[in-house]
Amino acid sequence: MQLIFYSGKDCHLCDLAMSLLTQLGSNYDIHLTKVDVKTDHQLFHLYGARIPVIKREDNQQELGWPFNLIQLKEFLD
């Protein structure tokens, strides 16, 4: 599954979200692309106040912070 992880430099909440993704282990075949929203004006406008955000490339659905491990699994299933 292809995911985009919208984040930012020195983002504590992004670190927490990444920790949840790591906890999934090998139960999910995830290919993660991290994108720093501060590198693109349009992305910063869309996501700057909402990061971290995880986006599925297959159906374009987004999961924005706050979320927990259960919500993350439901999002991926």
Protein backbone atom coordinates (compact mmCIF):
# COMPACT_ATOMS: atom_id res chain seq x y z
CA MET A 1 0.00 0.00 0.00
CA GLN A 2 1.36 3.39 -1.02
CA LEU A 3 1.07 6.09 1.65
CA ILE A 4 2.12 9.72 1.70
CA PHE A 5 3.10 11.04 5.12
CA TYR A 6 2.73 14.81 5.19
CA SER A 7 4.92 16.17 7.96
CA GLY A 8 7.31 18.92 8.89
CA LYS A 9 10.76 19.37 10.33
CA ASP A 10 10.93 19.31 14.15
CA CYS A 11 7.27 18.25 14.39
CA HIS A 12 6.67 16.40 17.66
CA LEU A 13 3.22 15.23 16.55
CA CYS A 14 4.76 13.87 13.35
CA ASP A 15 7.19 11.86 15.46
CA LEU A 16 4.26 10.40 17.41
CA ALA A 17 2.46 9.48 14.18
CA MET A 18 5.61 7.86 12.78
CA SER A 19 5.89 5.84 15.98
CA LEU A 20 2.37 4.50 15.40
CA LEU A 21 3.27 3.58 11.82
CA THR A 22 6.33 1.75 13.10
CA GLN A 23 4.19 -0.20 15.57
CA LEU A 24 2.29 -1.74 12.67
CA GLY A 25 5.33 -3.89 12.00
CA SER A 26 5.15 -6.37 9.15
CA ASN A 27 1.37 -6.78 9.40
CA TYR A 28 0.96 -4.26 6.58
CA ASP A 29 2.88 -3.97 3.33
CA ILE A 30 3.40 -0.20 3.43
CA HIS A 31 5.50 1.94 1.14
CA LEU A 32 5.77 5.31 2.83
CA THR A 33 6.77 8.57 1.17
CA LYS A 34 7.52 11.36 3.62
CA VAL A 35 6.79 14.87 2.39
CA ASP A 36 7.83 18.00 4.28
CA VAL A 37 4.96 20.42 3.64
CA LYS A 38 7.27 23.38 4.22
CA THR A 39 9.06 22.66 0.95
CA ASP A 40 6.02 23.51 -1.19
CA HIS A 41 3.79 26.57 -0.82
CA GLN A 42 0.63 24.76 -1.96
CA LEU A 43 1.24 21.78 0.34
CA PHE A 44 1.94 24.12 3.23
CA HIS A 45 -1.34 25.92 2.54
CA LEU A 46 -3.24 22.61 2.46
CA TYR A 47 -1.54 20.74 5.30
CA GLY A 48 0.59 23.16 7.33
CA ALA A 49 -1.89 23.53 10.20
CA ARG A 50 -3.02 19.90 10.04
CA ILE A 51 0.17 17.84 10.03
CA PRO A 52 0.74 15.01 10.46
CA VAL A 53 -1.56 13.69 7.75
CA ILE A 54 -1.40 10.24 6.16
CA LYS A 55 -2.85 9.87 2.67
CA ARG A 56 -3.62 6.63 0.87
CA GLU A 57 -2.67 6.79 -2.78
CA ASP A 58 -5.14 4.07 -3.82
CA ASN A 59 -8.32 5.87 -2.72
CA GLN A 60 -7.02 9.38 -1.84
CA GLN A 61 -8.42 9.15 1.71
CA GLU A 62 -6.62 11.09 4.43
CA LEU A 63 -6.16 10.49 8.12
CA GLY A 64 -5.24 13.61 10.04
CA TRP A 65 -3.92 13.96 13.54
CA PRO A 66 -5.01 13.12 16.19
CA PHE A 67 -5.33 9.38 15.68
CA ASN A 68 -4.39 6.27 17.63
CA LEU A 69 -3.18 2.83 16.57
CA ILE A 70 -6.70 1.42 16.27
CA GLN A 71 -7.84 4.30 14.06
CA LEU A 72 -4.71 3.92 11.93
CA LYS A 73 -5.39 0.20 11.42
CA GLU A 74 -9.02 0.90 10.48
CA PHE A 75 -7.82 3.53 8.01
CA LEU A 76 -5.48 1.02 6.37
CA ASP A 77 -7.98 -1.87 6.24
